[in-house]
Amino acid sequence: AGLVSQTPAKRLSTEDDGASRKRVVRLTPSPVVTPVNVNKVVSLAAIKLPDTVVSTDGIDNSQAAQQDRNLRFAEAGAGEKRKMVSLKDTGGPPPAFERMQLGLGGARAGSIKGTSKELERPYLRLHFAPDPATIRPPEVLTKALSLVKQKWLSQADYAHASEQLMSIQQDCRLQGIQGSIACDAYETNIRISLEKGDLGELSRALSSLLELYHAAEVAGQEWSAQTNEFTAYRILHGMLSEKELLQKASSAIWELRPAQRSDPDIKFAIAVGGALMAHDHQTFFKLYASAPKMAGYVMDFFVDRVREQAVTALVRACQPELEVDALKTLLHFNKRKECFRFLREKGMVMTADKRFVDCKKSRPAL
């Protein structure tokens, strides 16, 4: 619409003769709008552009530039192949390392030969075969493992030691190394995880170590002098769950060779399993007090469960009270304070002098 030349029109009322009049406001004539046909296709080729037209994006839209682009696309559409220039004989950079996916249909264990001389490297979650220049060969892995042990004794940095051990194990798997180097790496990992009480890391490393022991047995070789010790840890590890005690412990004992059954470490683990199955708590705690090597660390993961079972049986069988000091000795606590805290956490009710457990009042908590 055109511009208004006067004040906008309003409806007026007059009282002269009772009739209503309208004041006509004259508007400037509007320009004639030509209707646009939306279905009409306009060819861009028919539009003539100036010789030098540059868009706001910096693109040259001149007619010469458009013709040049049309010519290039026409040649590409005609199937013309570009010539490849080789840098092999021109002193160019070496070809990049070809990435290959790990697993089925890709790179397999033993197909990589490492060349790295670095003693330490971070553990990586790989989806593709790594560059051999980043993988350490066996002689370097031996030195790297010795360095991890030295740093653990001097610094006791569990996060660093765990990562370095996992990277050593990774290099062993990628190169198909099994022997004593791989066994030593997993055994060291198990010892450190036992000291820190890391059950998840213990389970992971113990499972992989048992696979190496089985491979050594199939090959008719002995890759580790501590095979019986860690086999005993495996038997004890199977006692973590009360529901799976019979299945896992019995299965591990059944797989033992006749020569292994006479080993002191394995005999100890079998005795612990027998005491648990018979609910012989007194024998269990005697064995716990005399556990060889690092067997006591493994038993620490389930000793509280056995303590709770022993307290339940004693409270139900004894009247009227149980002495806290006697329970401390029986349950093999180092301090009376630890025993007292354990009993209170399990809902036991103490007498006024804190010296005895009131069996009658404590039964509802069982």
Protein backbone atom coordinates (compact mmCIF):
# COMPACT_ATOMS: atom_id res chain seq x y z
CA ALA A 1 0.00 0.00 0.00
CA GLY A 2 1.07 3.60 -0.61
CA LEU A 3 1.95 6.23 1.94
CA VAL A 4 -0.96 8.09 3.69
CA SER A 5 -1.15 11.76 2.71
CA GLN A 6 -3.43 12.90 5.57
CA THR A 7 -4.49 11.87 9.02
CA PRO A 8 -5.86 8.30 9.10
CA ALA A 9 -9.62 8.14 8.56
CA LYS A 10 -11.89 7.72 11.58
CA ARG A 11 -15.59 7.03 11.91
CA LEU A 12 -17.31 10.40 12.81
CA SER A 13 -20.76 11.01 14.28
CA THR A 14 -22.78 14.21 13.57
CA GLU A 15 -25.99 15.40 15.21
CA ASP A 16 -27.12 18.03 12.50
CA ASP A 17 -29.84 16.02 10.86
CA GLY A 18 -29.40 12.73 12.69
CA ALA A 19 -27.68 11.24 9.69
CA SER A 20 -24.22 9.81 9.74
CA ARG A 21 -21.65 10.98 7.32
CA LYS A 22 -18.30 9.52 6.32
CA ARG A 23 -15.28 11.64 5.60
CA VAL A 24 -13.36 10.27 2.60
CA VAL A 25 -9.62 10.30 2.95
CA ARG A 26 -7.70 10.34 -0.28
CA LEU A 27 -4.64 8.06 -0.44
CA THR A 28 -1.72 8.25 -2.82
CA PRO A 29 -1.89 5.72 -5.61
CA SER A 30 -0.09 2.40 -4.88
CA PRO A 31 2.36 1.00 -7.33
CA VAL A 32 1.11 -1.83 -9.47
CA VAL A 33 2.43 -5.22 -8.21
CA THR A 34 3.01 -7.78 -10.90
CA PRO A 35 1.87 -11.25 -9.79
CA VAL A 36 4.63 -13.83 -9.55
CA ASN A 37 4.20 -17.29 -10.96
CA VAL A 38 5.71 -19.61 -8.34
CA ASN A 39 5.69 -22.54 -10.74
CA LYS A 40 7.91 -20.83 -13.27
CA VAL A 41 11.50 -22.06 -13.39
CA VAL A 42 14.09 -19.41 -14.01
CA SER A 43 17.32 -20.54 -15.63
CA LEU A 44 20.44 -19.12 -14.03
CA ALA A 45 22.18 -19.28 -17.37
CA ALA A 46 19.81 -16.62 -18.69
CA ILE A 47 20.82 -14.16 -16.00
CA LYS A 48 23.71 -12.04 -17.05
CA LEU A 49 26.10 -11.11 -14.27
CA PRO A 50 28.77 -8.46 -14.34
CA ASP A 51 32.27 -9.51 -15.29
CA THR A 52 33.50 -9.32 -11.69
CA VAL A 53 31.00 -10.30 -9.05
CA VAL A 54 32.15 -11.36 -5.56
CA SER A 55 29.65 -12.68 -3.00
CA THR A 56 29.64 -11.79 0.65
CA ASP A 57 31.37 -15.12 1.35
CA GLY A 58 34.34 -14.14 -0.79
CA ILE A 59 33.40 -16.46 -3.71
CA ASP A 60 34.03 -15.20 -7.23
CA ASN A 61 30.68 -15.41 -9.06
CA SER A 62 31.77 -13.75 -12.25
CA GLN A 63 30.84 -15.33 -15.57
CA ALA A 64 34.43 -16.35 -16.28
CA ALA A 65 34.75 -18.09 -12.91
CA GLN A 66 31.48 -19.95 -13.43
CA GLN A 67 32.58 -21.17 -16.84
CA ASP A 68 35.86 -22.37 -15.37
CA ARG A 69 34.05 -24.33 -12.64
CA ASN A 70 31.60 -25.84 -15.13
CA LEU A 71 34.53 -26.99 -17.23
CA ARG A 72 36.20 -28.75 -14.28
CA PHE A 73 32.99 -30.53 -13.21
CA ALA A 74 32.37 -31.63 -16.79
CA GLU A 75 35.83 -33.21 -16.96
CA ALA A 76 35.32 -34.98 -13.61
CA GLY A 77 31.94 -36.28 -14.74
CA ALA A 78 33.42 -37.64 -17.94
CA GLY A 79 35.48 -40.08 -15.85
CA GLU A 80 38.87 -38.49 -16.31
CA LYS A 81 41.34 -39.93 -13.75
CA ARG A 82 43.88 -37.80 -11.99
CA LYS A 83 47.49 -38.74 -12.16
CA MET A 84 49.10 -40.00 -8.92
CA VAL A 85 52.53 -38.65 -8.10
CA SER A 86 54.80 -41.03 -6.14
CA LEU A 87 57.18 -39.66 -3.51
CA LYS A 88 59.13 -42.92 -3.29
CA ASP A 89 62.07 -41.82 -5.40
CA THR A 90 61.85 -38.11 -4.70
CA GLY A 91 63.16 -38.11 -1.15
CA GLY A 92 59.71 -37.42 0.34
CA PRO A 93 58.43 -38.52 3.76
CA PRO A 94 58.10 -42.28 4.47
CA PRO A 95 54.65 -43.86 4.13
CA ALA A 96 52.47 -43.67 7.24
CA PHE A 97 51.95 -46.77 9.40
CA GLU A 98 49.01 -48.78 8.09
CA ARG A 99 46.32 -49.15 10.75
CA MET A 100 44.91 -52.65 11.13
CA GLN A 101 42.02 -53.59 13.38
CA LEU A 102 42.71 -56.00 16.23
CA GLY A 103 40.86 -59.28 16.64
CA LEU A 104 39.05 -61.51 14.16
CA GLY A 105 40.04 -60.67 10.60
CA GLY A 106 42.74 -58.25 11.73
CA ALA A 107 46.03 -58.30 13.55
CA ARG A 108 46.58 -61.28 15.86
CA ALA A 109 48.80 -61.90 18.87
CA GLY A 110 52.36 -62.57 17.81
CA SER A 111 52.09 -60.70 14.51
CA ILE A 112 53.74 -57.58 15.98
CA LYS A 113 57.45 -57.30 16.77
CA GLY A 114 58.21 -54.33 18.96
CA THR A 115 61.24 -52.09 18.50
CA SER A 116 60.79 -49.50 21.27
CA LYS A 117 63.60 -48.89 23.77
CA GLU A 118 61.48 -46.95 26.28
CA LEU A 119 61.23 -48.59 29.70
CA GLU A 120 57.89 -46.95 30.55
CA ARG A 121 54.80 -46.19 28.52
CA PRO A 122 51.13 -45.62 29.45
CA TYR A 123 48.55 -48.36 29.11
CA LEU A 124 46.31 -47.82 26.06
CA ARG A 125 42.93 -49.29 25.17
CA LEU A 126 43.66 -50.28 21.59
CA HIS A 127 41.16 -50.91 18.81
CA PHE A 128 43.79 -51.02 16.06
CA ALA A 129 47.21 -52.65 15.90
CA PRO A 130 49.74 -50.18 17.29
CA ASP A 131 52.91 -48.97 15.62
CA PRO A 132 55.73 -51.48 16.37
CA ALA A 133 57.92 -48.49 17.27
CA THR A 134 55.76 -48.03 20.40
CA ILE A 135 55.94 -51.68 21.55
CA ARG A 136 58.83 -53.00 23.66
CA PRO A 137 60.62 -56.27 22.77
CA PRO A 138 61.27 -58.99 25.42
CA GLU A 139 64.70 -57.72 26.48
CA VAL A 140 63.29 -54.24 27.15
CA LEU A 141 60.25 -55.67 28.96
CA THR A 142 62.55 -57.48 31.39
CA LYS A 143 64.24 -54.20 32.32
CA ALA A 144 60.88 -52.41 32.52
CA LEU A 145 59.54 -55.02 34.96
CA SER A 146 62.60 -54.66 37.19
CA LEU A 147 62.09 -50.88 37.19
CA VAL A 148 58.46 -51.29 38.30
CA LYS A 149 59.53 -53.47 41.24
CA GLN A 150 62.22 -51.00 42.30
CA LYS A 151 59.83 -48.05 42.18
CA TRP A 152 57.18 -49.94 44.13
CA LEU A 153 59.63 -50.70 46.93
CA SER A 154 60.88 -47.12 47.08
CA GLN A 155 57.74 -45.08 46.29
CA ALA A 156 54.75 -47.46 46.71
CA ASP A 157 52.78 -45.56 44.05
CA TYR A 158 50.00 -48.05 43.35
CA ALA A 159 48.40 -46.18 40.43
CA HIS A 160 51.72 -45.86 38.58
CA ALA A 161 52.79 -49.44 39.30
CA SER A 162 49.43 -50.85 38.21
CA GLU A 163 49.45 -48.92 34.93
CA GLN A 164 53.01 -49.93 34.07
CA LEU A 165 52.30 -53.59 34.82
CA MET A 166 49.22 -53.48 32.59
CA SER A 167 51.25 -51.92 29.76
CA ILE A 168 53.90 -54.66 30.11
CA GLN A 169 51.16 -57.30 29.98
CA GLN A 170 49.71 -55.58 26.92
CA ASP A 171 53.06 -55.65 25.10
CA CYS A 172 53.37 -59.35 25.93
CA ARG A 173 49.92 -60.14 24.49
CA LEU A 174 50.48 -58.10 21.32
CA GLN A 175 53.73 -59.93 20.59
CA GLY A 176 52.53 -63.37 21.68
CA ILE A 177 55.06 -63.51 24.55
CA GLN A 178 54.08 -66.08 27.16
CA GLY A 179 57.05 -67.51 29.07
CA SER A 180 58.56 -66.33 32.32
CA ILE A 181 58.32 -62.60 31.49
CA ALA A 182 54.54 -62.65 31.20
CA CYS A 183 54.15 -64.86 34.31
CA ASP A 184 56.37 -62.56 36.35
CA ALA A 185 54.37 -59.50 35.25
CA TYR A 186 51.06 -61.03 36.38
CA GLU A 187 52.51 -62.45 39.61
CA THR A 188 53.92 -59.04 40.54
CA ASN A 189 50.55 -57.47 39.76
CA ILE A 190 48.81 -59.95 42.08
CA ARG A 191 51.21 -59.31 44.96
CA ILE A 192 50.79 -55.54 44.69
CA SER A 193 46.99 -55.76 44.44
CA LEU A 194 46.92 -58.00 47.53
CA GLU A 195 48.93 -55.46 49.49
CA LYS A 196 46.47 -52.71 48.51
CA GLY A 197 43.37 -54.89 48.93
CA ASP A 198 42.23 -54.38 45.31
CA LEU A 199 39.93 -57.33 44.69
CA GLY A 200 39.03 -56.37 41.13
CA GLU A 201 42.64 -56.14 40.00
CA LEU A 202 43.44 -59.37 41.83
CA SER A 203 40.67 -61.25 40.01
CA ARG A 204 41.72 -59.92 36.60
CA ALA A 205 45.42 -60.71 36.97
CA LEU A 206 44.80 -64.10 38.59
CA SER A 207 42.53 -65.19 35.74
CA SER A 208 45.14 -64.30 33.10
CA LEU A 209 47.94 -65.93 35.10
CA LEU A 210 46.05 -69.22 35.33
CA GLU A 211 45.72 -69.22 31.53
CA LEU A 212 49.50 -68.94 31.26
CA TYR A 213 49.97 -71.78 33.74
CA HIS A 214 47.64 -73.94 31.66
CA ALA A 215 49.53 -73.09 28.45
CA ALA A 216 52.81 -74.04 30.14
CA GLU A 217 51.33 -77.35 31.26
CA VAL A 218 50.11 -78.12 27.73
CA ALA A 219 53.55 -77.28 26.36
CA GLY A 220 55.18 -79.49 28.99
CA GLN A 221 57.23 -76.60 30.39
CA GLU A 222 57.53 -74.71 33.66
CA TRP A 223 57.47 -70.96 33.18
CA SER A 224 57.28 -70.00 36.85
CA ALA A 225 58.74 -71.37 40.08
CA GLN A 226 55.77 -69.94 42.02
CA THR A 227 53.07 -71.92 40.22
CA ASN A 228 51.92 -73.80 43.34
CA GLU A 229 51.83 -70.63 45.44
CA PHE A 230 49.52 -68.78 43.07
CA THR A 231 47.46 -71.91 42.45
CA ALA A 232 46.78 -71.91 46.21
CA TYR A 233 45.67 -68.27 45.93
CA ARG A 234 43.27 -69.32 43.21
CA ILE A 235 41.72 -71.94 45.52
CA LEU A 236 41.34 -69.37 48.30
CA HIS A 237 39.92 -66.86 45.81
CA GLY A 238 37.14 -69.34 45.06
CA MET A 239 35.99 -69.08 48.71
CA LEU A 240 34.98 -65.42 48.43
CA SER A 241 31.30 -66.23 47.98
CA GLU A 242 29.45 -68.51 50.37
CA LYS A 243 27.04 -69.60 47.62
CA GLU A 244 29.83 -70.54 45.18
CA LEU A 245 32.19 -71.99 47.79
CA LEU A 246 31.46 -75.63 47.09
CA GLN A 247 31.47 -75.27 43.30
CA LYS A 248 34.56 -73.11 42.80
CA ALA A 249 36.76 -74.49 45.55
CA SER A 250 35.91 -78.10 44.72
CA SER A 251 36.54 -77.47 41.02
CA ALA A 252 39.94 -75.90 41.70
CA ILE A 253 40.96 -78.75 44.00
CA TRP A 254 39.77 -81.38 41.52
CA GLU A 255 41.99 -79.89 38.77
CA LEU A 256 45.17 -80.28 40.85
CA ARG A 257 47.82 -82.73 39.76
CA PRO A 258 48.83 -85.43 42.25
CA ALA A 259 52.25 -83.82 42.72
CA GLN A 260 50.64 -80.48 43.62
CA ARG A 261 48.54 -81.88 46.46
CA SER A 262 51.64 -82.39 48.60
CA ASP A 263 52.77 -78.76 48.26
CA PRO A 264 52.49 -76.88 51.61
CA ASP A 265 50.73 -73.85 50.11
CA ILE A 266 48.13 -75.96 48.37
CA LYS A 267 47.62 -78.19 51.41
CA PHE A 268 46.93 -75.06 53.44
CA ALA A 269 44.31 -73.84 50.94
CA ILE A 270 42.59 -77.24 50.94
CA ALA A 271 42.50 -77.21 54.76
CA VAL A 272 40.87 -73.77 54.77
CA GLY A 273 38.21 -74.99 52.34
CA GLY A 274 37.52 -78.02 54.52
CA ALA A 275 37.09 -75.88 57.63
CA LEU A 276 34.63 -73.57 55.85
CA MET A 277 32.54 -76.41 54.47
CA ALA A 278 32.36 -78.03 57.93
CA HIS A 279 31.63 -74.67 59.64
CA ASP A 280 34.60 -75.33 61.91
CA HIS A 281 35.27 -71.72 62.86
CA GLN A 282 37.91 -72.47 65.49
CA THR A 283 40.06 -74.39 62.97
CA PHE A 284 39.55 -71.68 60.37
CA PHE A 285 40.87 -68.92 62.64
CA LYS A 286 43.84 -71.04 63.66
CA LEU A 287 44.71 -71.43 59.99
CA TYR A 288 44.12 -67.72 59.43
CA ALA A 289 46.62 -66.90 62.17
CA SER A 290 49.29 -69.11 60.58
CA ALA A 291 48.67 -68.35 56.89
CA PRO A 292 51.86 -68.75 54.79
CA LYS A 293 53.22 -66.11 52.40
CA MET A 294 50.36 -63.89 51.15
CA ALA A 295 47.51 -66.36 51.77
CA GLY A 296 46.33 -64.25 54.70
CA TYR A 297 45.83 -61.29 52.34
CA VAL A 298 43.46 -63.39 50.23
CA MET A 299 41.60 -64.58 53.33
CA ASP A 300 41.14 -60.96 54.40
CA PHE A 301 38.53 -60.58 51.67
CA PHE A 302 36.16 -63.06 53.37
CA VAL A 303 37.30 -63.31 57.01
CA ASP A 304 34.58 -60.90 58.22
CA ARG A 305 31.93 -63.16 56.76
CA VAL A 306 33.29 -66.09 58.77
CA ARG A 307 33.48 -63.92 61.89
CA GLU A 308 29.83 -63.01 61.54
CA GLN A 309 28.89 -66.67 61.18
CA ALA A 310 30.92 -67.56 64.28
CA VAL A 311 29.31 -64.79 66.38
CA THR A 312 25.84 -65.88 65.26
CA ALA A 313 26.49 -69.47 66.29
CA LEU A 314 27.95 -68.47 69.67
CA VAL A 315 25.16 -66.03 70.60
CA ARG A 316 22.52 -68.64 69.81
CA ALA A 317 24.31 -71.35 71.77
CA CYS A 318 25.58 -69.46 74.82
CA GLN A 319 23.75 -67.91 77.79
CA PRO A 320 23.61 -65.38 79.28
CA GLU A 321 26.72 -63.45 78.17
CA LEU A 322 29.89 -63.67 76.04
CA GLU A 323 33.09 -61.97 77.10
CA VAL A 324 34.41 -59.48 74.57
CA ASP A 325 38.06 -60.36 75.27
CA ALA A 326 37.35 -64.04 74.59
CA LEU A 327 35.69 -63.15 71.30
CA LYS A 328 38.68 -61.00 70.35
CA THR A 329 41.00 -64.01 70.73
CA LEU A 330 38.65 -66.45 69.01
CA LEU A 331 37.89 -64.18 66.04
CA HIS A 332 41.58 -63.23 65.74
CA PHE A 333 41.37 -59.45 66.11
CA ASN A 334 44.58 -57.55 66.78
CA LYS A 335 42.94 -55.01 69.10
CA ARG A 336 39.98 -55.09 71.47
CA LYS A 337 38.72 -51.85 69.92
CA GLU A 338 38.45 -53.56 66.51
CA CYS A 339 36.49 -56.45 68.00
CA PHE A 340 34.16 -54.12 69.90
CA ARG A 341 33.46 -52.05 66.76
CA PHE A 342 32.76 -55.21 64.73
CA LEU A 343 30.27 -56.51 67.31
CA ARG A 344 28.43 -53.20 67.48
CA GLU A 345 28.20 -53.04 63.66
CA LYS A 346 26.57 -56.48 63.68
CA GLY A 347 23.94 -55.33 66.16
CA MET A 348 25.26 -56.96 69.32
CA VAL A 349 24.03 -55.45 72.59
CA MET A 350 26.67 -54.84 75.25
CA THR A 351 26.32 -54.83 79.00
CA ALA A 352 26.65 -51.60 80.97
CA ASP A 353 30.36 -52.14 81.63
CA LYS A 354 31.07 -52.92 77.90
CA ARG A 355 32.82 -56.16 78.87
CA PHE A 356 30.21 -58.68 77.76
CA VAL A 357 27.73 -59.31 74.96
CA ASP A 358 24.16 -59.79 76.19
CA CYS A 359 23.14 -62.88 74.21
CA LYS A 360 19.39 -62.63 74.91
CA LYS A 361 19.12 -58.99 73.81
CA SER A 362 21.40 -59.56 70.82
CA ARG A 363 19.38 -62.42 69.28
CA PRO A 364 16.89 -60.18 67.37
CA ALA A 365 19.85 -58.78 65.37
CA LEU A 366 20.90 -62.23 64.10
